[in-house]
Amino acid sequence: MKILVVDDEKKIADALAERLRLRSFEAEPVYDGTSALSSLRTDSFDGVILDLRLPDIDGIDILRQTKAAKPEIRVVILSGHGNEQDFKTCLGLGAVACFQKPANIQKLIEALVES
């Protein structure tokens, strides 16, 4: 399973991608919304772990564009700033789960792989 990890906090994105790799996932970290959208257009991912607060494009906009282009992709929101309304909006747009940082890696994986 190939996962795109999107977080502007480089250390968090890199650490999360590494933890996924240790569990036999392919994981690619990117650090802004523009890079996320570019990666999603040019590569095939099964899932996305997406931060909501990015420096260039709001995570909700990325979620909206991602689900419009690839409705089958599983998107998990992971945010340190998301609130209940943000999470409700994301779930309505097709996110499969929303978590506050820091989140349990096993719960993230379960959300990504549940069918």
N, C-alpha and C. Protein backbone atom coordinates (compact mmCIF):
# COMPACT_ATOMS: atom_id res chain seq x y z
N MET A 1 0.85 -1.18 0.00
CA MET A 1 0.00 0.00 0.00
C MET A 1 0.90 1.24 0.00
N LYS A 2 0.60 2.18 -0.87
CA LYS A 2 1.42 3.38 -1.01
C LYS A 2 0.68 4.58 -0.41
N ILE A 3 1.36 5.27 0.51
CA ILE A 3 0.75 6.36 1.28
C ILE A 3 1.51 7.67 1.06
N LEU A 4 0.78 8.73 0.80
CA LEU A 4 1.35 10.07 0.74
C LEU A 4 1.14 10.73 2.10
N VAL A 5 2.21 11.21 2.71
CA VAL A 5 2.14 11.89 4.00
C VAL A 5 2.35 13.38 3.75
N VAL A 6 1.35 14.18 4.10
CA VAL A 6 1.39 15.62 3.83
C VAL A 6 1.37 16.38 5.15
N ASP A 7 2.48 17.03 5.48
CA ASP A 7 2.57 17.83 6.70
C ASP A 7 3.67 18.85 6.52
N ASP A 8 3.39 20.11 6.87
CA ASP A 8 4.40 21.15 6.72
C ASP A 8 5.49 21.07 7.80
N GLU A 9 5.25 20.29 8.84
CA GLU A 9 6.29 20.07 9.84
C GLU A 9 7.12 18.88 9.35
N LYS A 10 8.27 19.21 8.75
CA LYS A 10 9.10 18.22 8.08
C LYS A 10 9.44 17.03 8.99
N LYS A 11 9.79 17.31 10.24
CA LYS A 11 10.16 16.23 11.16
C LYS A 11 9.00 15.26 11.37
N ILE A 12 7.79 15.80 11.45
CA ILE A 12 6.61 14.95 11.66
C ILE A 12 6.35 14.11 10.41
N ALA A 13 6.37 14.76 9.25
CA ALA A 13 6.12 14.03 7.99
C ALA A 13 7.16 12.93 7.78
N ASP A 14 8.42 13.26 7.99
CA ASP A 14 9.48 12.27 7.78
C ASP A 14 9.37 11.13 8.78
N ALA A 15 9.10 11.44 10.04
CA ALA A 15 8.99 10.40 11.07
C ALA A 15 7.80 9.49 10.79
N LEU A 16 6.68 10.07 10.40
CA LEU A 16 5.50 9.28 10.10
C LEU A 16 5.73 8.38 8.89
N ALA A 17 6.35 8.92 7.86
CA ALA A 17 6.67 8.12 6.67
C ALA A 17 7.60 6.97 7.05
N GLU A 18 8.57 7.23 7.88
CA GLU A 18 9.51 6.18 8.30
C GLU A 18 8.79 5.11 9.12
N ARG A 19 7.90 5.51 10.00
CA ARG A 19 7.16 4.54 10.81
C ARG A 19 6.26 3.67 9.92
N LEU A 20 5.72 4.25 8.87
CA LEU A 20 4.92 3.47 7.92
C LEU A 20 5.81 2.48 7.15
N ARG A 21 6.99 2.94 6.73
CA ARG A 21 7.92 2.06 6.01
C ARG A 21 8.34 0.86 6.88
N LEU A 22 8.54 1.11 8.16
CA LEU A 22 8.90 0.02 9.08
C LEU A 22 7.80 -1.02 9.19
N ARG A 23 6.59 -0.63 8.80
CA ARG A 23 5.44 -1.55 8.82
C ARG A 23 5.08 -2.01 7.41
N SER A 24 6.06 -1.95 6.51
CA SER A 24 5.96 -2.49 5.15
C SER A 24 5.06 -1.70 4.21
N PHE A 25 4.81 -0.44 4.50
CA PHE A 25 4.11 0.43 3.57
C PHE A 25 5.14 1.19 2.74
N GLU A 26 4.74 1.59 1.54
CA GLU A 26 5.52 2.58 0.80
C GLU A 26 4.99 3.93 1.28
N ALA A 27 5.85 4.84 1.63
CA ALA A 27 5.40 6.13 2.13
C ALA A 27 6.28 7.25 1.58
N GLU A 28 5.62 8.29 1.11
CA GLU A 28 6.32 9.45 0.55
C GLU A 28 5.88 10.70 1.30
N PRO A 29 6.82 11.39 1.95
CA PRO A 29 6.45 12.64 2.62
C PRO A 29 6.56 13.84 1.68
N VAL A 30 5.63 14.76 1.81
CA VAL A 30 5.71 16.07 1.16
C VAL A 30 5.33 17.11 2.21
N TYR A 31 5.74 18.36 1.98
CA TYR A 31 5.68 19.35 3.06
C TYR A 31 4.80 20.56 2.76
N ASP A 32 4.05 20.51 1.67
CA ASP A 32 3.12 21.61 1.37
C ASP A 32 2.03 21.09 0.44
N GLY A 33 0.99 21.88 0.30
CA GLY A 33 -0.15 21.48 -0.49
C GLY A 33 0.13 21.37 -1.98
N THR A 34 0.94 22.27 -2.50
CA THR A 34 1.29 22.25 -3.92
C THR A 34 1.99 20.95 -4.28
N SER A 35 2.94 20.54 -3.45
CA SER A 35 3.66 19.28 -3.68
C SER A 35 2.72 18.09 -3.55
N ALA A 36 1.79 18.17 -2.61
CA ALA A 36 0.83 17.08 -2.42
C ALA A 36 -0.02 16.89 -3.67
N LEU A 37 -0.58 17.98 -4.18
CA LEU A 37 -1.42 17.89 -5.37
C LEU A 37 -0.63 17.42 -6.58
N SER A 38 0.60 17.88 -6.70
CA SER A 38 1.46 17.45 -7.80
C SER A 38 1.74 15.95 -7.71
N SER A 39 2.07 15.47 -6.52
CA SER A 39 2.33 14.04 -6.33
C SER A 39 1.09 13.21 -6.63
N LEU A 40 -0.06 13.69 -6.20
CA LEU A 40 -1.30 12.96 -6.43
C LEU A 40 -1.67 12.90 -7.92
N ARG A 41 -1.26 13.93 -8.68
CA ARG A 41 -1.53 13.93 -10.12
C ARG A 41 -0.59 13.00 -10.87
N THR A 42 0.66 12.89 -10.41
CA THR A 42 1.68 12.18 -11.18
C THR A 42 1.97 10.77 -10.70
N ASP A 43 1.47 10.40 -9.54
CA ASP A 43 1.77 9.09 -8.97
C ASP A 43 0.48 8.46 -8.46
N SER A 44 0.53 7.19 -8.21
CA SER A 44 -0.65 6.48 -7.74
C SER A 44 -0.48 6.15 -6.25
N PHE A 45 -1.41 6.63 -5.45
CA PHE A 45 -1.39 6.37 -4.01
C PHE A 45 -2.69 5.69 -3.61
N ASP A 46 -2.59 4.83 -2.60
CA ASP A 46 -3.77 4.17 -2.05
C ASP A 46 -4.39 5.00 -0.92
N GLY A 47 -3.55 5.81 -0.29
CA GLY A 47 -4.03 6.61 0.83
C GLY A 47 -3.20 7.85 1.04
N VAL A 48 -3.79 8.77 1.81
CA VAL A 48 -3.13 10.04 2.13
C VAL A 48 -3.35 10.31 3.62
N ILE A 49 -2.28 10.68 4.30
CA ILE A 49 -2.39 11.24 5.64
C ILE A 49 -2.16 12.73 5.47
N LEU A 50 -3.17 13.53 5.81
CA LEU A 50 -3.20 14.94 5.43
C LEU A 50 -3.37 15.86 6.63
N ASP A 51 -2.44 16.79 6.77
CA ASP A 51 -2.56 17.86 7.76
C ASP A 51 -3.52 18.91 7.20
N LEU A 52 -4.23 19.58 8.08
CA LEU A 52 -5.18 20.60 7.61
C LEU A 52 -4.54 21.96 7.42
N ARG A 53 -3.59 22.30 8.24
CA ARG A 53 -2.99 23.64 8.19
C ARG A 53 -1.65 23.58 7.47
N LEU A 54 -1.68 23.96 6.21
CA LEU A 54 -0.48 23.98 5.39
C LEU A 54 -0.19 25.41 4.97
N PRO A 55 1.05 25.73 4.64
CA PRO A 55 1.39 27.13 4.37
C PRO A 55 0.80 27.70 3.08
N ASP A 56 0.50 26.84 2.10
CA ASP A 56 0.10 27.37 0.80
C ASP A 56 -1.35 27.05 0.42
N ILE A 57 -1.83 25.87 0.74
CA ILE A 57 -3.18 25.45 0.38
C ILE A 57 -3.81 24.80 1.60
N ASP A 58 -5.03 25.16 1.90
CA ASP A 58 -5.73 24.58 3.04
C ASP A 58 -5.95 23.08 2.81
N GLY A 59 -5.76 22.29 3.87
CA GLY A 59 -5.94 20.84 3.76
C GLY A 59 -7.34 20.44 3.30
N ILE A 60 -8.34 21.20 3.69
CA ILE A 60 -9.71 20.89 3.26
C ILE A 60 -9.82 21.04 1.74
N ASP A 61 -9.16 22.05 1.17
CA ASP A 61 -9.16 22.20 -0.29
C ASP A 61 -8.44 21.03 -0.97
N ILE A 62 -7.35 20.57 -0.37
CA ILE A 62 -6.63 19.42 -0.93
C ILE A 62 -7.51 18.18 -0.87
N LEU A 63 -8.19 17.99 0.25
CA LEU A 63 -9.11 16.86 0.38
C LEU A 63 -10.20 16.93 -0.70
N ARG A 64 -10.78 18.08 -0.88
CA ARG A 64 -11.85 18.26 -1.87
C ARG A 64 -11.34 17.91 -3.27
N GLN A 65 -10.19 18.45 -3.65
CA GLN A 65 -9.64 18.18 -4.98
C GLN A 65 -9.25 16.72 -5.15
N THR A 66 -8.69 16.13 -4.11
CA THR A 66 -8.26 14.74 -4.17
C THR A 66 -9.45 13.82 -4.37
N LYS A 67 -10.49 14.00 -3.58
CA LYS A 67 -11.66 13.12 -3.67
C LYS A 67 -12.42 13.33 -4.98
N ALA A 68 -12.38 14.55 -5.53
CA ALA A 68 -13.03 14.80 -6.82
C ALA A 68 -12.31 14.06 -7.94
N ALA A 69 -10.99 14.04 -7.88
CA ALA A 69 -10.19 13.41 -8.94
C ALA A 69 -10.08 11.89 -8.74
N LYS A 70 -9.99 11.46 -7.49
CA LYS A 70 -9.77 10.04 -7.18
C LYS A 70 -10.64 9.65 -6.00
N PRO A 71 -11.92 9.43 -6.23
CA PRO A 71 -12.84 9.16 -5.12
C PRO A 71 -12.49 7.91 -4.31
N GLU A 72 -11.74 6.99 -4.90
CA GLU A 72 -11.41 5.75 -4.21
C GLU A 72 -10.29 5.88 -3.19
N ILE A 73 -9.54 6.97 -3.25
CA ILE A 73 -8.38 7.12 -2.37
C ILE A 73 -8.85 7.34 -0.92
N ARG A 74 -8.15 6.70 0.00
CA ARG A 74 -8.49 6.81 1.43
C ARG A 74 -7.68 7.97 2.02
N VAL A 75 -8.37 8.94 2.59
CA VAL A 75 -7.72 10.11 3.17
C VAL A 75 -8.00 10.14 4.67
N VAL A 76 -6.93 10.21 5.44
CA VAL A 76 -7.00 10.33 6.88
C VAL A 76 -6.46 11.72 7.25
N ILE A 77 -7.24 12.45 8.01
CA ILE A 77 -6.82 13.78 8.46
C ILE A 77 -6.06 13.63 9.77
N LEU A 78 -4.91 14.29 9.85
CA LEU A 78 -4.09 14.31 11.06
C LEU A 78 -3.70 15.75 11.30
N SER A 79 -4.28 16.37 12.33
CA SER A 79 -4.07 17.80 12.52
C SER A 79 -3.83 18.15 13.98
N GLY A 80 -2.97 19.10 14.19
CA GLY A 80 -2.76 19.64 15.52
C GLY A 80 -3.68 20.81 15.80
N HIS A 81 -4.36 21.30 14.77
CA HIS A 81 -5.19 22.50 14.91
C HIS A 81 -6.65 22.28 14.53
N GLY A 82 -6.96 21.10 14.03
CA GLY A 82 -8.33 20.84 13.59
C GLY A 82 -9.30 20.86 14.77
N ASN A 83 -10.49 21.34 14.50
CA ASN A 83 -11.53 21.33 15.53
C ASN A 83 -12.67 20.42 15.08
N GLU A 84 -13.67 20.30 15.91
CA GLU A 84 -14.79 19.40 15.62
C GLU A 84 -15.47 19.76 14.29
N GLN A 85 -15.65 21.05 14.03
CA GLN A 85 -16.29 21.46 12.77
C GLN A 85 -15.43 21.11 11.57
N ASP A 86 -14.11 21.34 11.67
CA ASP A 86 -13.20 20.96 10.58
C ASP A 86 -13.31 19.46 10.30
N PHE A 87 -13.30 18.67 11.36
CA PHE A 87 -13.35 17.22 11.20
C PHE A 87 -14.69 16.79 10.60
N LYS A 88 -15.76 17.42 11.01
CA LYS A 88 -17.08 17.10 10.46
C LYS A 88 -17.11 17.41 8.96
N THR A 89 -16.53 18.56 8.59
CA THR A 89 -16.45 18.95 7.18
C THR A 89 -15.65 17.92 6.39
N CYS A 90 -14.50 17.51 6.94
CA CYS A 90 -13.63 16.55 6.25
C CYS A 90 -14.33 15.20 6.06
N LEU A 91 -15.01 14.74 7.08
CA LEU A 91 -15.74 13.47 6.96
C LEU A 91 -16.84 13.58 5.91
N GLY A 92 -17.49 14.73 5.85
CA GLY A 92 -18.51 14.96 4.84
C GLY A 92 -17.95 14.99 3.42
N LEU A 93 -16.70 15.38 3.30
CA LEU A 93 -16.05 15.42 1.99
C LEU A 93 -15.42 14.09 1.59
N GLY A 94 -15.47 13.12 2.50
CA GLY A 94 -14.98 11.79 2.14
C GLY A 94 -13.76 11.29 2.89
N ALA A 95 -13.25 12.05 3.85
CA ALA A 95 -12.16 11.52 4.67
C ALA A 95 -12.69 10.31 5.43
N VAL A 96 -11.84 9.31 5.63
CA VAL A 96 -12.28 8.10 6.32
C VAL A 96 -12.12 8.20 7.83
N ALA A 97 -11.27 9.13 8.30
CA ALA A 97 -11.06 9.32 9.73
C ALA A 97 -10.33 10.64 9.95
N CYS A 98 -10.47 11.16 11.16
CA CYS A 98 -9.79 12.39 11.56
C CYS A 98 -9.18 12.18 12.94
N PHE A 99 -7.93 12.59 13.09
CA PHE A 99 -7.22 12.45 14.35
C PHE A 99 -6.51 13.74 14.72
N GLN A 100 -6.42 14.01 16.01
CA GLN A 100 -5.60 15.09 16.52
C GLN A 100 -4.17 14.57 16.68
N LYS A 101 -3.19 15.44 16.45
CA LYS A 101 -1.79 15.09 16.72
C LYS A 101 -1.57 15.14 18.22
N PRO A 102 -0.75 14.30 18.76
CA PRO A 102 -0.15 13.13 18.11
C PRO A 102 -1.16 11.99 18.09
N ALA A 103 -1.12 11.19 17.06
CA ALA A 103 -2.06 10.08 16.93
C ALA A 103 -1.31 8.75 17.01
N ASN A 104 -2.01 7.76 17.44
CA ASN A 104 -1.48 6.42 17.52
C ASN A 104 -1.29 5.87 16.10
N ILE A 105 -0.08 5.41 15.79
CA ILE A 105 0.23 4.93 14.44
C ILE A 105 -0.67 3.76 14.05
N GLN A 106 -0.98 2.91 15.00
CA GLN A 106 -1.83 1.76 14.68
C GLN A 106 -3.24 2.20 14.28
N LYS A 107 -3.77 3.23 14.93
CA LYS A 107 -5.10 3.74 14.58
C LYS A 107 -5.08 4.37 13.18
N LEU A 108 -4.00 5.08 12.86
CA LEU A 108 -3.87 5.65 11.51
C LEU A 108 -3.86 4.54 10.46
N ILE A 109 -3.09 3.50 10.72
CA ILE A 109 -3.00 2.40 9.76
C ILE A 109 -4.35 1.70 9.62
N GLU A 110 -5.03 1.48 10.73
CA GLU A 110 -6.34 0.83 10.66
C GLU A 110 -7.30 1.65 9.80
N ALA A 111 -7.27 2.96 9.94
CA ALA A 111 -8.14 3.82 9.14
C ALA A 111 -7.78 3.75 7.66
N LEU A 112 -6.50 3.63 7.36
CA LEU A 112 -6.07 3.57 5.97
C LEU A 112 -6.42 2.25 5.29
N VAL A 113 -6.41 1.16 6.03
CA VAL A 113 -6.57 -0.15 5.40
C VAL A 113 -7.97 -0.75 5.56
N GLU A 114 -8.80 -0.20 6.41
CA GLU A 114 -10.16 -0.74 6.56
C GLU A 114 -10.90 -0.65 5.25
N SER A 115 -11.70 -1.67 4.97
CA SER A 115 -12.46 -1.64 3.73
C SER A 115 -13.93 -1.56 3.99
